[in-house]
């Protein structure tokens, strides 16, 4: 799994457009939270087994980039949570899960 870092609000427009060609996930991670660290580690371990090679993963350090996290909530019409994984397809959020309820099988099912 190779993360693409989300560090600018301007990237959200790019992600929306990119998601029209290939599904994208955004993982919002709090670097100060042990639950978030556990969710990130679990996500990285399960990624290959979930067979999500067609999905491009973005990583957001929300402590360093809180305004981007707020914009994600507004643009994709989801309540902010951390950790949180959003599946973006065709410019819209098709799945979002938080904490240890992040489900890669659900991501796979909805990314097709």
N, C-alpha and C. Protein backbone atom coordinates (compact mmCIF):
# COMPACT_ATOMS: atom_id res chain seq x y z
N UNK A 1 0.86 -1.18 0.00
CA UNK A 1 0.00 0.00 0.00
C UNK A 1 0.89 1.23 0.00
N UNK A 2 0.64 2.11 -0.93
CA UNK A 2 1.43 3.33 -1.01
C UNK A 2 0.50 4.53 -0.83
N UNK A 3 0.68 5.24 0.27
CA UNK A 3 -0.14 6.41 0.56
C UNK A 3 0.24 7.58 -0.33
N UNK A 4 -0.74 8.36 -0.70
CA UNK A 4 -0.55 9.65 -1.37
C UNK A 4 -1.00 10.69 -0.35
N UNK A 5 -0.11 11.59 -0.01
CA UNK A 5 -0.39 12.53 1.08
C UNK A 5 -1.30 13.67 0.61
N UNK A 6 -2.30 13.91 1.42
CA UNK A 6 -3.26 14.98 1.18
C UNK A 6 -2.84 16.15 2.08
N UNK A 7 -2.35 17.22 1.46
CA UNK A 7 -1.77 18.32 2.22
C UNK A 7 -2.32 19.69 1.82
N UNK A 8 -3.29 19.69 0.88
CA UNK A 8 -3.81 20.95 0.39
C UNK A 8 -5.30 20.81 0.09
N UNK A 9 -6.06 21.83 0.43
CA UNK A 9 -7.49 21.84 0.12
C UNK A 9 -7.71 21.75 -1.39
N UNK A 10 -6.80 22.33 -2.16
CA UNK A 10 -6.91 22.28 -3.63
C UNK A 10 -6.91 20.85 -4.16
N UNK A 11 -6.30 19.93 -3.44
CA UNK A 11 -6.25 18.54 -3.89
C UNK A 11 -7.64 17.90 -3.90
N UNK A 12 -8.58 18.42 -3.13
CA UNK A 12 -9.92 17.83 -3.08
C UNK A 12 -10.61 17.90 -4.44
N UNK A 13 -10.41 19.00 -5.16
CA UNK A 13 -10.95 19.12 -6.51
C UNK A 13 -10.33 18.06 -7.41
N UNK A 14 -9.03 17.89 -7.30
CA UNK A 14 -8.31 16.88 -8.08
C UNK A 14 -8.82 15.49 -7.74
N UNK A 15 -9.02 15.21 -6.46
CA UNK A 15 -9.51 13.90 -6.03
C UNK A 15 -10.91 13.63 -6.58
N UNK A 16 -11.78 14.63 -6.55
CA UNK A 16 -13.12 14.45 -7.10
C UNK A 16 -13.05 14.08 -8.58
N UNK A 17 -12.19 14.76 -9.33
CA UNK A 17 -12.04 14.47 -10.76
C UNK A 17 -11.40 13.10 -10.98
N UNK A 18 -10.37 12.83 -10.22
CA UNK A 18 -9.65 11.55 -10.32
C UNK A 18 -10.60 10.37 -10.04
N UNK A 19 -11.52 10.57 -9.11
CA UNK A 19 -12.43 9.49 -8.71
C UNK A 19 -13.43 9.14 -9.81
N UNK A 20 -13.50 9.95 -10.84
CA UNK A 20 -14.37 9.64 -11.98
C UNK A 20 -13.72 8.59 -12.88
N UNK A 21 -12.40 8.42 -12.75
CA UNK A 21 -11.65 7.44 -13.52
C UNK A 21 -11.28 6.21 -12.69
N UNK A 22 -11.03 6.42 -11.40
CA UNK A 22 -10.65 5.33 -10.51
C UNK A 22 -11.10 5.68 -9.10
N UNK A 23 -11.58 4.69 -8.34
CA UNK A 23 -12.01 4.98 -6.97
C UNK A 23 -10.83 5.45 -6.12
N UNK A 24 -11.14 6.28 -5.15
CA UNK A 24 -10.14 6.86 -4.26
C UNK A 24 -10.63 6.69 -2.82
N UNK A 25 -9.71 6.40 -1.90
CA UNK A 25 -10.07 6.46 -0.49
C UNK A 25 -9.24 7.56 0.17
N UNK A 26 -9.85 8.18 1.15
CA UNK A 26 -9.17 9.16 1.98
C UNK A 26 -9.20 8.61 3.40
N UNK A 27 -8.02 8.46 4.00
CA UNK A 27 -7.94 8.03 5.39
C UNK A 27 -7.54 9.22 6.24
N UNK A 28 -8.43 9.62 7.13
CA UNK A 28 -8.17 10.74 8.04
C UNK A 28 -7.62 10.17 9.34
N UNK A 29 -6.39 10.55 9.66
CA UNK A 29 -5.65 9.95 10.77
C UNK A 29 -5.22 11.01 11.78
N UNK A 30 -5.51 10.74 13.03
CA UNK A 30 -5.01 11.59 14.12
C UNK A 30 -3.73 10.97 14.65
N UNK A 31 -2.64 11.68 14.50
CA UNK A 31 -1.35 11.17 14.96
C UNK A 31 -1.22 11.18 16.48
N UNK A 32 -2.21 11.71 17.18
CA UNK A 32 -2.20 11.76 18.65
C UNK A 32 -3.12 10.73 19.29
N UNK A 33 -3.70 9.85 18.49
CA UNK A 33 -4.73 8.95 18.98
C UNK A 33 -4.32 7.49 18.78
N UNK A 34 -4.34 6.71 19.85
CA UNK A 34 -3.94 5.30 19.73
C UNK A 34 -4.96 4.49 18.93
N UNK A 35 -6.24 4.83 19.01
CA UNK A 35 -7.25 4.13 18.21
C UNK A 35 -7.01 4.38 16.73
N UNK A 36 -6.66 5.61 16.39
CA UNK A 36 -6.37 5.95 15.00
C UNK A 36 -5.14 5.18 14.52
N UNK A 37 -4.13 5.06 15.37
CA UNK A 37 -2.93 4.31 15.00
C UNK A 37 -3.26 2.84 14.77
N UNK A 38 -4.12 2.29 15.60
CA UNK A 38 -4.55 0.90 15.44
C UNK A 38 -5.32 0.72 14.14
N UNK A 39 -6.23 1.64 13.86
CA UNK A 39 -7.02 1.56 12.62
C UNK A 39 -6.12 1.67 11.39
N UNK A 40 -5.13 2.55 11.43
CA UNK A 40 -4.20 2.71 10.31
C UNK A 40 -3.39 1.44 10.09
N UNK A 41 -2.88 0.88 11.16
CA UNK A 41 -2.09 -0.35 11.06
C UNK A 41 -2.94 -1.50 10.51
N UNK A 42 -4.14 -1.63 10.99
CA UNK A 42 -5.06 -2.67 10.53
C UNK A 42 -5.39 -2.49 9.04
N UNK A 43 -5.63 -1.26 8.65
CA UNK A 43 -5.92 -0.93 7.25
C UNK A 43 -4.76 -1.32 6.36
N UNK A 44 -3.56 -0.97 6.75
CA UNK A 44 -2.37 -1.28 5.95
C UNK A 44 -2.14 -2.79 5.86
N UNK A 45 -2.36 -3.52 6.94
CA UNK A 45 -2.19 -4.98 6.93
C UNK A 45 -3.21 -5.66 6.05
N UNK A 46 -4.45 -5.17 6.03
CA UNK A 46 -5.53 -5.83 5.32
C UNK A 46 -5.67 -5.38 3.86
N UNK A 47 -4.97 -4.33 3.47
CA UNK A 47 -5.14 -3.74 2.14
C UNK A 47 -4.91 -4.76 1.02
N UNK A 48 -3.78 -5.45 1.03
CA UNK A 48 -3.45 -6.39 -0.04
C UNK A 48 -4.45 -7.53 -0.09
N UNK A 49 -4.83 -8.06 1.06
CA UNK A 49 -5.80 -9.17 1.09
C UNK A 49 -7.17 -8.75 0.59
N UNK A 50 -7.49 -7.48 0.72
CA UNK A 50 -8.80 -6.98 0.26
C UNK A 50 -8.84 -6.79 -1.25
N UNK A 51 -7.68 -6.92 -1.89
CA UNK A 51 -7.59 -6.81 -3.35
C UNK A 51 -8.15 -5.47 -3.84
N UNK A 52 -7.58 -4.40 -3.32
CA UNK A 52 -8.02 -3.04 -3.66
C UNK A 52 -7.00 -2.30 -4.52
N UNK A 53 -6.29 -3.05 -5.36
CA UNK A 53 -5.26 -2.44 -6.20
C UNK A 53 -5.75 -1.33 -7.10
N UNK A 54 -7.03 -1.35 -7.46
CA UNK A 54 -7.59 -0.33 -8.34
C UNK A 54 -7.96 0.95 -7.59
N UNK A 55 -7.91 0.92 -6.25
CA UNK A 55 -8.30 2.06 -5.44
C UNK A 55 -7.05 2.83 -5.01
N UNK A 56 -7.05 4.14 -5.23
CA UNK A 56 -5.90 4.97 -4.87
C UNK A 56 -6.09 5.51 -3.45
N UNK A 57 -5.14 5.23 -2.53
CA UNK A 57 -5.28 5.66 -1.14
C UNK A 57 -4.60 7.00 -0.84
N UNK A 58 -5.37 7.90 -0.27
CA UNK A 58 -4.84 9.17 0.22
C UNK A 58 -4.83 9.17 1.74
N UNK A 59 -3.82 9.81 2.30
CA UNK A 59 -3.62 9.88 3.75
C UNK A 59 -3.65 11.34 4.18
N UNK A 60 -4.46 11.63 5.18
CA UNK A 60 -4.52 12.98 5.73
C UNK A 60 -4.14 12.96 7.20
N UNK A 61 -3.06 13.65 7.54
CA UNK A 61 -2.69 13.89 8.94
C UNK A 61 -3.56 15.05 9.40
N UNK A 62 -4.65 14.71 10.09
CA UNK A 62 -5.60 15.78 10.38
C UNK A 62 -5.14 16.71 11.51
N UNK A 63 -4.16 16.31 12.29
CA UNK A 63 -3.62 17.23 13.30
C UNK A 63 -2.89 18.38 12.60
N UNK A 64 -2.12 18.04 11.58
CA UNK A 64 -1.37 19.05 10.83
C UNK A 64 -2.24 19.78 9.80
N UNK A 65 -3.37 19.18 9.43
CA UNK A 65 -4.18 19.73 8.34
C UNK A 65 -5.67 19.76 8.69
N UNK A 66 -6.01 20.26 9.84
CA UNK A 66 -7.41 20.27 10.28
C UNK A 66 -8.35 20.99 9.30
N UNK A 67 -7.94 22.12 8.69
CA UNK A 67 -8.84 22.77 7.73
C UNK A 67 -9.22 21.86 6.56
N UNK A 68 -8.31 20.99 6.13
CA UNK A 68 -8.62 20.06 5.04
C UNK A 68 -9.66 19.05 5.51
N UNK A 69 -9.51 18.58 6.73
CA UNK A 69 -10.48 17.64 7.28
C UNK A 69 -11.87 18.27 7.34
N UNK A 70 -11.94 19.51 7.76
CA UNK A 70 -13.22 20.22 7.81
C UNK A 70 -13.83 20.37 6.42
N UNK A 71 -12.97 20.66 5.45
CA UNK A 71 -13.45 20.82 4.07
C UNK A 71 -13.95 19.48 3.50
N UNK A 72 -13.27 18.39 3.84
CA UNK A 72 -13.71 17.05 3.41
C UNK A 72 -15.12 16.79 3.91
N UNK A 73 -15.37 17.09 5.18
CA UNK A 73 -16.70 16.89 5.76
C UNK A 73 -17.75 17.67 4.98
N UNK A 74 -17.42 18.89 4.62
CA UNK A 74 -18.38 19.74 3.90
C UNK A 74 -18.56 19.29 2.45
N UNK A 75 -17.46 19.08 1.75
CA UNK A 75 -17.51 18.73 0.32
C UNK A 75 -18.21 17.39 0.09
N UNK A 76 -17.91 16.41 0.95
CA UNK A 76 -18.45 15.06 0.74
C UNK A 76 -19.65 14.75 1.65
N UNK A 77 -20.11 15.77 2.37
CA UNK A 77 -21.33 15.69 3.18
C UNK A 77 -21.31 14.52 4.17
N UNK A 78 -20.21 14.44 4.93
CA UNK A 78 -20.09 13.44 5.99
C UNK A 78 -19.69 14.14 7.27
N UNK A 79 -20.12 13.58 8.37
CA UNK A 79 -19.72 14.12 9.67
C UNK A 79 -18.25 13.79 9.92
N UNK A 80 -17.50 14.74 10.43
CA UNK A 80 -16.08 14.52 10.72
C UNK A 80 -15.94 13.49 11.84
N UNK A 81 -15.08 12.52 11.60
CA UNK A 81 -14.68 11.57 12.64
C UNK A 81 -13.22 11.26 12.43
N UNK A 82 -12.62 10.68 13.46
CA UNK A 82 -11.21 10.32 13.36
C UNK A 82 -10.97 9.10 14.26
N UNK A 83 -10.36 8.08 13.69
CA UNK A 83 -9.99 7.91 12.29
C UNK A 83 -11.23 7.71 11.44
N UNK A 84 -11.07 7.98 10.17
CA UNK A 84 -12.20 7.85 9.24
C UNK A 84 -11.67 7.51 7.86
N UNK A 85 -12.39 6.62 7.17
CA UNK A 85 -12.06 6.25 5.80
C UNK A 85 -13.25 6.57 4.91
N UNK A 86 -13.00 7.29 3.83
CA UNK A 86 -14.05 7.63 2.86
C UNK A 86 -13.69 7.05 1.51
N UNK A 87 -14.66 6.45 0.86
CA UNK A 87 -14.50 5.98 -0.52
C UNK A 87 -15.14 7.02 -1.42
N UNK A 88 -14.35 7.58 -2.33
CA UNK A 88 -14.83 8.59 -3.26
C UNK A 88 -14.84 7.95 -4.65
N UNK A 89 -16.02 7.99 -5.28
CA UNK A 89 -16.20 7.42 -6.60
C UNK A 89 -17.15 8.33 -7.36
N UNK A 90 -16.80 8.64 -8.60
CA UNK A 90 -17.61 9.54 -9.42
C UNK A 90 -17.87 10.88 -8.73
N UNK A 91 -16.86 11.33 -7.98
CA UNK A 91 -16.94 12.65 -7.33
C UNK A 91 -17.74 12.70 -6.06
N UNK A 92 -18.25 11.55 -5.59
CA UNK A 92 -19.09 11.53 -4.39
C UNK A 92 -18.61 10.47 -3.41
N UNK A 93 -18.97 10.66 -2.15
CA UNK A 93 -18.64 9.68 -1.12
C UNK A 93 -19.66 8.53 -1.19
N UNK A 94 -19.16 7.32 -1.41
CA UNK A 94 -20.02 6.14 -1.51
C UNK A 94 -19.95 5.27 -0.26
N UNK A 95 -18.99 5.55 0.61
CA UNK A 95 -18.84 4.80 1.86
C UNK A 95 -18.01 5.65 2.81
N UNK A 96 -18.35 5.60 4.08
CA UNK A 96 -17.46 6.14 5.09
C UNK A 96 -17.62 5.32 6.35
N UNK A 97 -16.50 5.03 6.96
CA UNK A 97 -16.48 4.27 8.20
C UNK A 97 -15.48 4.90 9.13
N UNK A 98 -15.67 4.68 10.41
CA UNK A 98 -14.75 5.28 11.37
C UNK A 98 -14.32 4.27 12.42
N UNK A 99 -13.26 4.64 13.08
CA UNK A 99 -12.68 3.85 14.16
C UNK A 99 -12.44 2.41 13.68
N UNK A 100 -12.77 1.44 14.50
CA UNK A 100 -12.48 0.06 14.15
C UNK A 100 -13.61 -0.57 13.33
N UNK A 101 -14.58 0.23 12.93
CA UNK A 101 -15.64 -0.29 12.06
C UNK A 101 -15.34 -0.05 10.58
N UNK A 102 -14.14 0.43 10.27
CA UNK A 102 -13.73 0.59 8.87
C UNK A 102 -13.68 -0.81 8.25
N UNK A 103 -14.39 -0.96 7.14
CA UNK A 103 -14.57 -2.29 6.54
C UNK A 103 -14.11 -2.28 5.08
N UNK A 104 -12.96 -2.89 4.84
CA UNK A 104 -12.42 -2.89 3.48
C UNK A 104 -13.23 -3.75 2.52
N UNK A 105 -13.93 -4.75 3.01
CA UNK A 105 -14.79 -5.54 2.12
C UNK A 105 -15.94 -4.68 1.60
N UNK A 106 -16.43 -3.80 2.44
CA UNK A 106 -17.48 -2.87 2.02
C UNK A 106 -16.92 -1.88 0.99
N UNK A 107 -15.70 -1.43 1.21
CA UNK A 107 -15.03 -0.54 0.25
C UNK A 107 -14.90 -1.25 -1.10
N UNK A 108 -14.46 -2.50 -1.05
CA UNK A 108 -14.29 -3.26 -2.29
C UNK A 108 -15.62 -3.40 -3.03
N UNK A 109 -16.67 -3.76 -2.30
CA UNK A 109 -17.99 -3.96 -2.90
C UNK A 109 -18.49 -2.68 -3.57
N UNK A 110 -18.26 -1.54 -2.93
CA UNK A 110 -18.79 -0.27 -3.45
C UNK A 110 -17.86 0.40 -4.45
N UNK A 111 -16.64 -0.09 -4.57
CA UNK A 111 -15.69 0.56 -5.49
C UNK A 111 -15.80 0.03 -6.91
N UNK A 112 -16.54 -1.05 -7.09
CA UNK A 112 -16.68 -1.68 -8.41
C UNK A 112 -17.65 -0.91 -9.27
